[in-house]
Amino acid sequence: ALMGIQLVVSLLTASIMQRMAPHCSFARWLLCNGLFRFKHPSEGELCALAGKQMPKTNRRDRRQNGESTPLTVPKDIDLHLEKAPVNAMDALVLRFFLEYQWLIDFAVYATGVFLFTECYYSVLDASKEVNIGAIWCVLTVLFSKALHMLMSHYFRSEEGGERSVCLAFGFLGLLVAMLVLVVREDYLEFGLEGFSSLFDNLEVFAKQQGYADWVPVTKLTVKLGLAAFCAYVGALMAFPGLRLAQTHLDAVQMNLDRPLIILLHMSFLSPVVVLILWVKPIARDFLAKAPLGKTSITVSSDAFDSVRLWTVVALCVLRLALTRYHLQAYLNLAPKWVEQMKKEAGRIAAIDIQRKVTRVFCYLSVVTLQYVVPVLLILFSTLALKALGFSWDGASADVNPGVTPASPLPTAAPVISGALDEDEESFEDMEEDIQVTVARLSEMLAALRSVLTPLFFRGFFAFFTWWVAACQVISSLFGIYFHQYLM
């Protein structure tokens, strides 16, 4: 009763997540049920296919004059890789598997907490309580730092190819972001008027504190910071988009004669739909007044916002449902590379064949992160956006924040003078200091709340959702062109 039911459910969920992770993990279930990997051939199998006997000497005996002589076989041997299901023991050797498992499990539990809070808010009037589900959604977005870890791994690698790709997409994202940020709200309705509210509240607060001259610099800093953040997101989305293009093409080739191909194309084009939903002349102005014969269907603004939320969530669920098809398409790169090797002439070291086949499986969790994390960013940003004033049923939003002036600095209560002993005077001084500290902290929190209004966060999460989809469209289309015409 003291903490509130939302906080109790949140703490209970965190405890269950910690205790159930070693025994029941959705991330392990995703990788270890239904996927098949390919085993690398042994040296004995390669020698048998090459028509020669396996050397009896060990690797140490194959060294002559300090130089190793690896076993080589012809490239055109009739090699067929053995298929085996992926199990939990195999997953332990995957790169970044622990980071992948923690993020996916946290996202699952965050979804559960969000659904509980939605039911709680629909049954009871809890408008004055803090939405714990929205906090879990924001934490999921913040904890999706796996892409940053992968990009830092690319920057630390000795080969500079991956680093150059990330930098190129980062600068491209900076250029596109600067163009997007100057577009008026009549065309891209992110709700960035929340930044105007931010600047107005910041100006009021700065004047109260005597820093009015800093306001123009702060406005420029915020705009430049947002553009730099967009460039950073663009660099993060470089390899996920390229990988999505490759797995999409391979998954389509695997399912040419199945109706599943329609869902695969819908999943690949889903970021384009997300982009269109925030283009006002196409989405709100046209779709909200769609012509139907001699009549037209008029949709209210709140109903359109609700349809947009449902559409983004449905597209994210579709992409998550097709995860295994893309992962299996990635695992099939091993036999695909073997078939390509057979068409080449010459010889190849047996260790190179083993490394190439093994490397495909070892990076399975990395590919899974590159596929899932952009979807999670869009999904949980949309859920956080819903918690900031939108509704699922098209009802009018309750949150309509405006400019809230910053609160003046409270003053401490005066101390009553009198004849006090030494201990009583020291106690009274301590109490006065505590009151002043509490007053200043309260003033800082009130000022922060007046500057960072819900309207600002609505604009930020709407823009962030759109920008992640835009970055994925750019990188995935470039990947389609690269894998179709340059490979």
Protein backbone atom coordinates (compact mmCIF):
# COMPACT_ATOMS: atom_id res chain seq x y z
CA ALA A 1 0.00 0.00 0.00
CA LEU A 2 2.90 2.36 0.74
CA MET A 3 4.72 1.66 -2.56
CA GLY A 4 1.75 1.25 -4.88
CA ILE A 5 0.68 -1.74 -6.92
CA GLN A 6 2.68 -0.69 -9.99
CA LEU A 7 5.94 -0.56 -8.08
CA VAL A 8 5.19 -3.89 -6.39
CA VAL A 9 4.57 -5.55 -9.76
CA SER A 10 7.73 -3.97 -11.14
CA LEU A 11 9.88 -5.28 -8.29
CA LEU A 12 8.23 -8.69 -8.53
CA THR A 13 8.94 -8.82 -12.27
CA ALA A 14 12.59 -7.90 -11.76
CA SER A 15 12.93 -10.65 -9.14
CA ILE A 16 11.28 -13.24 -11.40
CA MET A 17 13.49 -12.22 -14.32
CA GLN A 18 16.64 -12.66 -12.25
CA ARG A 19 15.63 -16.06 -10.85
CA MET A 20 14.15 -17.53 -14.03
CA ALA A 21 16.93 -16.52 -16.44
CA PRO A 22 19.08 -19.67 -15.88
CA HIS A 23 16.06 -21.97 -16.24
CA CYS A 24 13.61 -20.31 -18.65
CA SER A 25 14.81 -17.86 -21.28
CA PHE A 26 12.88 -16.66 -24.31
CA ALA A 27 16.17 -15.73 -25.99
CA ARG A 28 17.45 -19.31 -25.70
CA TRP A 29 14.12 -20.64 -26.95
CA LEU A 30 14.34 -18.39 -30.01
CA LEU A 31 17.75 -19.73 -31.04
CA CYS A 32 17.57 -23.32 -29.82
CA ASN A 33 14.23 -24.44 -31.29
CA GLY A 34 13.76 -24.87 -35.02
CA LEU A 35 17.15 -23.62 -36.28
CA PHE A 36 19.73 -25.86 -37.93
CA ARG A 37 23.44 -25.18 -38.15
CA PHE A 38 26.03 -26.82 -40.37
CA LYS A 39 29.02 -28.70 -38.97
CA HIS A 40 32.46 -28.10 -40.41
CA PRO A 41 34.11 -31.15 -42.05
CA SER A 42 37.04 -32.82 -40.35
CA GLU A 43 40.43 -33.17 -42.02
CA GLY A 44 39.79 -36.89 -42.46
CA GLU A 45 36.57 -36.25 -44.34
CA LEU A 46 38.25 -33.69 -46.57
CA CYS A 47 41.10 -36.08 -47.35
CA ALA A 48 38.64 -38.84 -48.19
CA LEU A 49 36.76 -36.53 -50.56
CA ALA A 50 40.06 -35.47 -52.13
CA GLY A 51 41.01 -39.10 -52.74
CA LYS A 52 44.12 -39.24 -50.56
CA GLN A 53 45.03 -40.69 -47.23
CA MET A 54 45.03 -38.74 -44.02
CA PRO A 55 48.60 -37.81 -43.00
CA LYS A 56 49.64 -39.72 -39.89
CA THR A 57 51.89 -36.99 -38.61
CA ASN A 58 50.49 -34.40 -36.25
CA ARG A 59 50.57 -30.68 -36.79
CA ARG A 60 53.87 -30.23 -34.98
CA ASP A 61 55.52 -32.66 -37.36
CA ARG A 62 54.28 -30.73 -40.35
CA ARG A 63 56.65 -27.86 -39.65
CA GLN A 64 59.67 -27.64 -41.89
CA ASN A 65 62.28 -24.94 -41.40
CA GLY A 66 59.97 -22.99 -39.11
CA GLU A 67 57.19 -22.80 -41.71
CA SER A 68 53.88 -24.68 -41.34
CA THR A 69 52.55 -26.77 -44.22
CA PRO A 70 48.76 -26.90 -43.84
CA LEU A 71 46.68 -29.61 -45.41
CA THR A 72 45.18 -28.46 -48.72
CA VAL A 73 42.41 -29.97 -50.84
CA PRO A 74 40.97 -29.11 -54.26
CA LYS A 75 38.17 -26.57 -54.22
CA ASP A 76 35.94 -28.63 -56.49
CA ILE A 77 35.57 -31.58 -54.12
CA ASP A 78 32.09 -33.00 -53.62
CA LEU A 79 31.62 -31.54 -50.15
CA HIS A 80 28.23 -31.59 -48.44
CA LEU A 81 27.92 -30.13 -44.95
CA GLU A 82 26.17 -32.08 -42.21
CA LYS A 83 23.12 -30.41 -40.67
CA ALA A 84 22.51 -30.40 -36.90
CA PRO A 85 19.89 -28.64 -34.73
CA VAL A 86 21.08 -25.75 -32.59
CA ASN A 87 20.91 -26.62 -28.87
CA ALA A 88 21.62 -24.78 -25.65
CA MET A 89 25.19 -26.10 -25.42
CA ASP A 90 25.97 -24.80 -28.89
CA ALA A 91 24.65 -21.35 -27.96
CA LEU A 92 27.26 -20.95 -25.21
CA VAL A 93 30.06 -20.46 -27.77
CA LEU A 94 28.26 -17.67 -29.64
CA ARG A 95 29.72 -14.19 -29.65
CA PHE A 96 27.75 -11.67 -27.53
CA PHE A 97 25.30 -14.39 -26.49
CA LEU A 98 24.98 -13.18 -22.89
CA GLU A 99 24.25 -9.61 -24.03
CA TYR A 100 21.69 -10.93 -26.49
CA GLN A 101 20.00 -13.14 -23.88
CA TRP A 102 19.75 -10.38 -21.28
CA LEU A 103 18.31 -7.84 -23.72
CA ILE A 104 15.68 -10.17 -25.21
CA ASP A 105 14.55 -11.43 -21.80
CA PHE A 106 14.35 -7.89 -20.44
CA ALA A 107 12.27 -6.83 -23.44
CA VAL A 108 9.85 -9.72 -22.85
CA TYR A 109 9.38 -8.83 -19.18
CA ALA A 110 9.08 -5.12 -20.05
CA THR A 111 6.26 -6.01 -22.44
CA GLY A 112 4.52 -7.87 -19.63
CA VAL A 113 4.83 -4.91 -17.25
CA PHE A 114 3.54 -2.54 -19.93
CA LEU A 115 0.50 -4.74 -20.60
CA PHE A 116 -0.23 -4.87 -16.86
CA THR A 117 -0.05 -1.09 -16.53
CA GLU A 118 -2.35 -0.68 -19.53
CA CYS A 119 -4.93 -2.95 -17.90
CA TYR A 120 -4.42 -1.17 -14.58
CA TYR A 121 -5.00 2.26 -16.13
CA SER A 122 -8.09 1.03 -18.01
CA VAL A 123 -9.70 -0.32 -14.82
CA LEU A 124 -8.70 2.32 -12.29
CA ASP A 125 -8.21 6.07 -12.48
CA ALA A 126 -4.45 6.22 -11.95
CA SER A 127 -3.72 9.40 -13.89
CA LYS A 128 -1.84 10.86 -10.92
CA GLU A 129 0.50 7.87 -10.62
CA VAL A 130 3.77 7.41 -12.44
CA ASN A 131 3.42 5.00 -15.37
CA ILE A 132 5.90 2.24 -14.50
CA GLY A 133 5.26 0.51 -17.83
CA ALA A 134 6.49 3.57 -19.70
CA ILE A 135 9.66 3.57 -17.59
CA TRP A 136 10.31 -0.08 -18.51
CA CYS A 137 9.84 0.81 -22.18
CA VAL A 138 12.33 3.66 -21.95
CA LEU A 139 14.79 1.39 -20.13
CA THR A 140 14.48 -1.17 -22.92
CA VAL A 141 15.38 1.53 -25.44
CA LEU A 142 18.34 2.63 -23.33
CA PHE A 143 19.53 -0.94 -22.73
CA SER A 144 19.58 -1.64 -26.47
CA LYS A 145 23.27 -0.73 -26.40
CA ALA A 146 24.26 -3.99 -28.04
CA LEU A 147 24.52 -2.20 -31.38
CA HIS A 148 26.93 0.27 -29.78
CA MET A 149 29.03 -2.64 -28.52
CA LEU A 150 29.10 -4.15 -32.00
CA MET A 151 30.07 -0.83 -33.56
CA SER A 152 32.86 -0.33 -31.01
CA HIS A 153 34.06 -3.84 -31.92
CA TYR A 154 34.21 -2.76 -35.56
CA PHE A 155 36.21 0.33 -34.63
CA ARG A 156 38.70 -1.74 -32.62
CA SER A 157 39.29 -4.26 -35.40
CA GLU A 158 42.51 -4.13 -37.34
CA GLU A 159 40.71 -4.10 -40.67
CA GLY A 160 39.28 -0.66 -41.40
CA GLY A 161 36.46 -1.70 -43.74
CA GLU A 162 33.74 -1.89 -41.10
CA ARG A 163 34.91 1.36 -39.53
CA SER A 164 34.69 3.14 -42.87
CA VAL A 165 31.17 1.84 -43.49
CA CYS A 166 29.97 3.07 -40.08
CA LEU A 167 31.53 6.50 -40.61
CA ALA A 168 30.06 6.80 -44.11
CA PHE A 169 26.55 6.01 -42.89
CA GLY A 170 27.07 8.32 -39.92
CA PHE A 171 27.92 11.29 -42.13
CA LEU A 172 25.06 10.40 -44.47
CA GLY A 173 22.72 10.31 -41.47
CA LEU A 174 23.99 13.72 -40.34
CA LEU A 175 23.25 15.20 -43.76
CA VAL A 176 19.77 13.69 -43.97
CA ALA A 177 18.97 14.69 -40.37
CA MET A 178 19.89 18.33 -41.03
CA LEU A 179 17.55 18.30 -44.01
CA VAL A 180 14.72 16.65 -42.05
CA LEU A 181 14.99 19.01 -39.08
CA VAL A 182 14.30 22.06 -41.25
CA VAL A 183 11.10 20.57 -42.69
CA ARG A 184 7.97 22.20 -41.32
CA GLU A 185 5.36 20.38 -39.28
CA ASP A 186 2.95 20.70 -42.20
CA TYR A 187 4.87 17.92 -43.94
CA LEU A 188 6.51 15.83 -41.18
CA GLU A 189 4.37 15.84 -38.05
CA PHE A 190 6.78 14.63 -35.41
CA GLY A 191 5.39 17.03 -32.85
CA LEU A 192 8.69 18.84 -32.54
CA GLU A 193 6.80 21.88 -31.34
CA GLY A 194 7.64 20.31 -28.00
CA PHE A 195 11.12 21.72 -28.56
CA SER A 196 9.57 25.19 -28.78
CA SER A 197 7.95 24.50 -25.42
CA LEU A 198 11.35 23.36 -24.16
CA PHE A 199 12.98 26.58 -25.29
CA ASP A 200 10.22 28.74 -23.81
CA ASN A 201 10.43 26.99 -20.45
CA LEU A 202 14.21 27.12 -20.58
CA GLU A 203 14.11 30.85 -21.27
CA VAL A 204 11.81 31.45 -18.29
CA PHE A 205 14.04 29.38 -16.04
CA ALA A 206 17.23 31.06 -17.31
CA LYS A 207 15.81 34.53 -16.71
CA GLN A 208 14.87 33.59 -13.16
CA GLN A 209 18.38 32.33 -12.52
CA GLY A 210 20.09 35.25 -14.28
CA TYR A 211 21.38 33.31 -17.34
CA ALA A 212 19.21 34.84 -20.06
CA ASP A 213 22.21 35.37 -22.37
CA TRP A 214 22.75 31.60 -22.60
CA VAL A 215 19.37 30.87 -24.19
CA PRO A 216 20.35 31.42 -27.88
CA VAL A 217 23.45 29.26 -27.40
CA THR A 218 21.34 26.56 -25.76
CA LYS A 219 18.86 26.50 -28.67
CA LEU A 220 21.67 26.05 -31.16
CA THR A 221 23.27 23.40 -28.98
CA VAL A 222 20.04 21.41 -28.76
CA LYS A 223 19.58 21.44 -32.53
CA LEU A 224 23.20 20.45 -33.18
CA GLY A 225 23.01 17.79 -30.47
CA LEU A 226 19.88 16.29 -32.06
CA ALA A 227 21.59 16.22 -35.48
CA ALA A 228 24.67 14.56 -33.95
CA PHE A 229 22.44 12.01 -32.23
CA CYS A 230 20.81 11.24 -35.58
CA ALA A 231 24.26 10.70 -37.12
CA TYR A 232 25.12 8.30 -34.29
CA VAL A 233 21.92 6.32 -34.85
CA GLY A 234 22.66 6.25 -38.57
CA ALA A 235 26.07 4.72 -37.88
CA LEU A 236 24.49 2.14 -35.56
CA MET A 237 21.95 1.12 -38.23
CA ALA A 238 24.53 0.60 -40.99
CA PHE A 239 25.30 -3.09 -40.56
CA PRO A 240 21.81 -4.10 -39.31
CA GLY A 241 20.36 -2.74 -42.55
CA LEU A 242 22.99 -4.43 -44.71
CA ARG A 243 22.46 -7.72 -42.89
CA LEU A 244 18.68 -7.41 -43.17
CA ALA A 245 19.00 -7.03 -46.94
CA GLN A 246 21.14 -10.16 -47.20
CA THR A 247 18.91 -12.34 -45.02
CA HIS A 248 15.79 -11.05 -46.78
CA LEU A 249 17.11 -12.02 -50.21
CA ASP A 250 18.16 -15.46 -48.97
CA ALA A 251 14.87 -16.02 -47.14
CA VAL A 252 12.93 -15.11 -50.29
CA GLN A 253 15.01 -17.60 -52.30
CA MET A 254 14.27 -20.29 -49.71
CA ASN A 255 10.49 -19.70 -49.84
CA LEU A 256 9.82 -18.90 -53.50
CA ASP A 257 7.06 -21.49 -53.81
CA ARG A 258 5.35 -20.69 -50.48
CA PRO A 259 2.79 -18.00 -49.56
CA LEU A 260 5.23 -16.93 -46.82
CA ILE A 261 7.03 -14.84 -49.41
CA ILE A 262 4.27 -12.22 -49.16
CA LEU A 263 4.86 -11.81 -45.43
CA LEU A 264 8.61 -11.59 -46.02
CA HIS A 265 8.14 -8.71 -48.45
CA MET A 266 5.69 -7.01 -46.10
CA SER A 267 8.19 -7.34 -43.27
CA PHE A 268 10.99 -5.86 -45.35
CA LEU A 269 8.85 -2.90 -46.46
CA SER A 270 7.46 -2.23 -42.97
CA PRO A 271 9.96 0.60 -42.20
CA VAL A 272 8.73 2.37 -45.35
CA VAL A 273 5.17 2.21 -43.99
CA VAL A 274 6.39 3.70 -40.71
CA LEU A 275 7.96 6.58 -42.64
CA ILE A 276 4.75 7.27 -44.53
CA LEU A 277 2.66 7.32 -41.36
CA TRP A 278 4.38 10.52 -40.21
CA VAL A 279 4.24 12.28 -43.60
CA LYS A 280 1.23 14.52 -43.09
CA PRO A 281 0.14 15.13 -46.74
CA ILE A 282 0.13 11.36 -47.40
CA ALA A 283 -1.00 9.94 -44.07
CA ARG A 284 -3.18 12.32 -42.08
CA ASP A 285 -4.43 14.62 -44.87
CA PHE A 286 -5.15 11.83 -47.39
CA LEU A 287 -5.79 8.64 -45.45
CA ALA A 288 -7.80 10.41 -42.76
CA LYS A 289 -10.13 11.68 -45.52
CA ALA A 290 -9.94 8.76 -47.90
CA PRO A 291 -12.38 9.01 -50.84
CA LEU A 292 -14.81 6.10 -51.19
CA GLY A 293 -16.80 6.56 -54.35
CA LYS A 294 -18.89 9.71 -54.12
CA THR A 295 -18.40 9.88 -50.37
CA SER A 296 -15.33 10.10 -48.19
CA ILE A 297 -14.42 8.57 -44.86
CA THR A 298 -13.45 11.17 -42.29
CA VAL A 299 -11.25 10.00 -39.42
CA SER A 300 -10.68 12.17 -36.38
CA SER A 301 -7.20 13.19 -35.35
CA ASP A 302 -7.23 11.03 -32.22
CA ALA A 303 -8.50 8.03 -34.15
CA PHE A 304 -5.74 8.45 -36.71
CA ASP A 305 -3.13 8.56 -33.94
CA SER A 306 -4.58 5.34 -32.56
CA VAL A 307 -4.51 3.66 -36.00
CA ARG A 308 -0.91 4.76 -36.44
CA LEU A 309 0.10 3.23 -33.11
CA TRP A 310 -1.65 -0.05 -33.91
CA THR A 311 -0.05 -0.16 -37.36
CA VAL A 312 3.49 0.30 -36.05
CA VAL A 313 2.97 -2.31 -33.33
CA ALA A 314 1.48 -4.80 -35.82
CA LEU A 315 4.40 -4.34 -38.23
CA CYS A 316 6.91 -4.86 -35.42
CA VAL A 317 5.11 -8.04 -34.33
CA LEU A 318 5.20 -9.27 -37.94
CA ARG A 319 8.95 -8.72 -38.17
CA LEU A 320 9.55 -10.46 -34.86
CA ALA A 321 7.41 -13.41 -35.98
CA LEU A 322 9.65 -13.87 -39.04
CA THR A 323 12.89 -13.80 -37.08
CA ARG A 324 13.68 -17.49 -37.43
CA TYR A 325 13.27 -17.47 -41.19
CA HIS A 326 15.89 -14.74 -41.47
CA LEU A 327 18.21 -16.49 -39.02
CA GLN A 328 17.96 -19.77 -40.91
CA ALA A 329 18.68 -17.89 -44.12
CA TYR A 330 21.83 -16.57 -42.47
CA LEU A 331 22.89 -20.05 -41.31
CA ASN A 332 22.45 -21.30 -44.88
CA LEU A 333 25.35 -19.04 -45.89
CA ALA A 334 27.70 -21.90 -44.98
CA PRO A 335 26.47 -24.39 -47.66
CA LYS A 336 26.01 -21.47 -50.03
CA TRP A 337 29.69 -20.58 -49.65
CA VAL A 338 30.66 -24.23 -50.19
CA GLU A 339 28.69 -24.33 -53.44
CA GLN A 340 30.41 -21.14 -54.54
CA MET A 341 33.82 -22.63 -53.66
CA LYS A 342 33.14 -25.68 -55.84
CA LYS A 343 32.90 -23.45 -58.91
CA GLU A 344 36.42 -22.09 -58.36
CA ALA A 345 39.68 -23.64 -59.46
CA GLY A 346 42.75 -24.34 -57.36
CA ARG A 347 43.32 -25.62 -53.85
CA ILE A 348 42.32 -24.37 -50.42
CA ALA A 349 43.59 -25.12 -46.94
CA ALA A 350 41.37 -27.42 -44.89
CA ILE A 351 41.62 -25.09 -41.92
CA ASP A 352 40.18 -22.26 -44.06
CA ILE A 353 37.13 -24.35 -44.91
CA GLN A 354 36.60 -25.22 -41.24
CA ARG A 355 37.00 -21.60 -40.15
CA LYS A 356 34.62 -20.29 -42.77
CA VAL A 357 31.88 -22.78 -41.88
CA THR A 358 32.34 -22.33 -38.12
CA ARG A 359 32.42 -18.55 -38.31
CA VAL A 360 28.91 -18.44 -39.76
CA PHE A 361 27.46 -20.14 -36.69
CA CYS A 362 29.62 -18.29 -34.14
CA TYR A 363 28.13 -14.95 -35.22
CA LEU A 364 24.52 -16.14 -35.02
CA SER A 365 23.74 -14.10 -31.90
CA VAL A 366 25.34 -11.02 -33.50
CA VAL A 367 23.08 -11.37 -36.53
CA THR A 368 20.10 -11.88 -34.22
CA LEU A 369 20.91 -8.65 -32.40
CA GLN A 370 21.27 -6.81 -35.70
CA TYR A 371 17.84 -8.03 -36.73
CA VAL A 372 15.94 -7.71 -33.44
CA VAL A 373 17.34 -4.52 -31.85
CA PRO A 374 16.03 -2.07 -34.52
CA VAL A 375 12.59 -3.67 -34.20
CA LEU A 376 12.72 -3.33 -30.41
CA LEU A 377 13.74 0.33 -30.70
CA ILE A 378 10.75 1.11 -32.90
CA LEU A 379 8.34 -1.01 -30.86
CA PHE A 380 9.21 0.29 -27.39
CA SER A 381 9.53 3.88 -28.59
CA THR A 382 5.97 3.54 -29.90
CA LEU A 383 4.78 2.06 -26.60
CA ALA A 384 6.45 4.90 -24.70
CA LEU A 385 4.80 7.32 -27.11
CA LYS A 386 1.42 5.81 -26.31
CA ALA A 387 2.01 6.25 -22.57
CA LEU A 388 2.61 9.97 -23.12
CA GLY A 389 -0.99 10.81 -23.95
CA PHE A 390 -2.27 8.66 -26.81
CA SER A 391 -4.87 5.91 -26.58
CA TRP A 392 -5.52 2.59 -28.28
CA ASP A 393 -9.23 3.18 -28.95
CA GLY A 394 -9.02 6.63 -30.54
CA ALA A 395 -10.32 8.53 -27.52
CA SER A 396 -9.11 12.06 -27.00
CA ALA A 397 -5.79 12.33 -25.24
CA ASP A 398 -5.81 13.55 -21.68
CA VAL A 399 -2.31 14.93 -21.82
CA ASN A 400 -2.16 18.35 -23.39
CA PRO A 401 0.85 19.93 -21.81
CA GLY A 402 1.80 23.47 -22.45
CA VAL A 403 4.43 25.90 -21.24
CA THR A 404 4.84 25.54 -17.52
CA PRO A 405 6.88 28.31 -15.93
CA ALA A 406 9.70 27.33 -13.67
CA SER A 407 9.00 27.54 -10.00
CA PRO A 408 10.78 30.20 -7.98
CA LEU A 409 13.40 29.13 -5.52
CA PRO A 410 11.79 28.30 -2.18
CA THR A 411 13.27 29.86 0.87
CA ALA A 412 13.98 28.12 4.11
CA ALA A 413 11.74 28.65 7.08
CA PRO A 414 13.06 31.27 9.53
CA VAL A 415 14.56 30.02 12.74
CA ILE A 416 12.98 31.29 15.95
CA SER A 417 15.61 33.01 18.03
CA GLY A 418 15.81 32.34 21.70
CA ALA A 419 18.03 31.24 24.49
CA LEU A 420 19.25 27.83 23.41
CA ASP A 421 21.96 25.64 24.64
CA GLU A 422 24.96 24.77 22.54
CA ASP A 423 23.55 21.37 21.49
CA GLU A 424 20.18 22.83 20.69
CA GLU A 425 21.78 25.57 18.55
CA SER A 426 23.81 23.04 16.56
CA PHE A 427 20.72 20.88 16.08
CA GLU A 428 18.74 23.91 14.92
CA ASP A 429 21.51 24.85 12.44
CA MET A 430 21.53 21.31 11.08
CA GLU A 431 17.77 21.37 10.69
CA GLU A 432 18.00 24.68 8.86
CA ASP A 433 20.62 23.30 6.46
CA ILE A 434 18.46 20.26 5.76
CA GLN A 435 15.47 22.47 5.01
CA VAL A 436 17.51 24.62 2.63
CA THR A 437 18.88 21.53 0.84
CA VAL A 438 15.44 19.99 0.49
CA ALA A 439 14.07 23.28 -0.81
CA ARG A 440 16.81 23.54 -3.44
CA LEU A 441 16.34 19.95 -4.55
CA SER A 442 12.60 20.49 -4.82
CA GLU A 443 13.19 23.63 -6.87
CA MET A 444 15.58 21.80 -9.21
CA LEU A 445 13.14 18.92 -9.77
CA ALA A 446 10.27 21.34 -10.35
CA ALA A 447 12.37 23.32 -12.85
CA LEU A 448 13.43 20.14 -14.63
CA ARG A 449 9.83 18.97 -14.83
CA SER A 450 8.73 22.34 -16.21
CA VAL A 451 11.45 22.30 -18.88
CA LEU A 452 11.14 18.64 -19.96
CA THR A 453 7.38 18.50 -20.49
CA PRO A 454 5.41 15.46 -21.78
CA LEU A 455 4.91 17.37 -25.04
CA PHE A 456 8.67 17.44 -25.52
CA PHE A 457 9.01 13.70 -24.91
CA ARG A 458 6.14 12.98 -27.29
CA GLY A 459 7.93 14.88 -30.03
CA PHE A 460 11.24 13.21 -29.25
CA PHE A 461 9.94 9.63 -29.27
CA ALA A 462 7.89 10.24 -32.42
CA PHE A 463 10.97 11.60 -34.17
CA PHE A 464 13.15 8.80 -32.81
CA THR A 465 10.72 6.14 -34.06
CA TRP A 466 10.62 7.71 -37.49
CA TRP A 467 14.37 8.20 -37.64
CA VAL A 468 15.22 4.59 -36.75
CA ALA A 469 12.90 3.44 -39.53
CA ALA A 470 14.45 5.95 -41.93
CA CYS A 471 17.98 4.76 -41.17
CA GLN A 472 16.95 1.16 -41.68
CA VAL A 473 15.32 1.98 -45.01
CA ILE A 474 18.46 3.74 -46.25
CA SER A 475 20.88 1.02 -45.16
CA SER A 476 18.67 -1.91 -46.25
CA LEU A 477 18.04 -0.46 -49.72
CA PHE A 478 21.76 0.09 -50.12
CA GLY A 479 22.28 -3.51 -48.98
CA ILE A 480 19.80 -4.78 -51.59
CA TYR A 481 21.71 -2.96 -54.31
CA PHE A 482 25.04 -4.19 -52.97
CA HIS A 483 24.07 -7.87 -52.71
CA GLN A 484 22.16 -7.88 -55.99
CA TYR A 485 24.56 -6.02 -58.28
CA LEU A 486 27.93 -5.68 -56.56
CA MET A 487 28.42 -9.17 -55.08
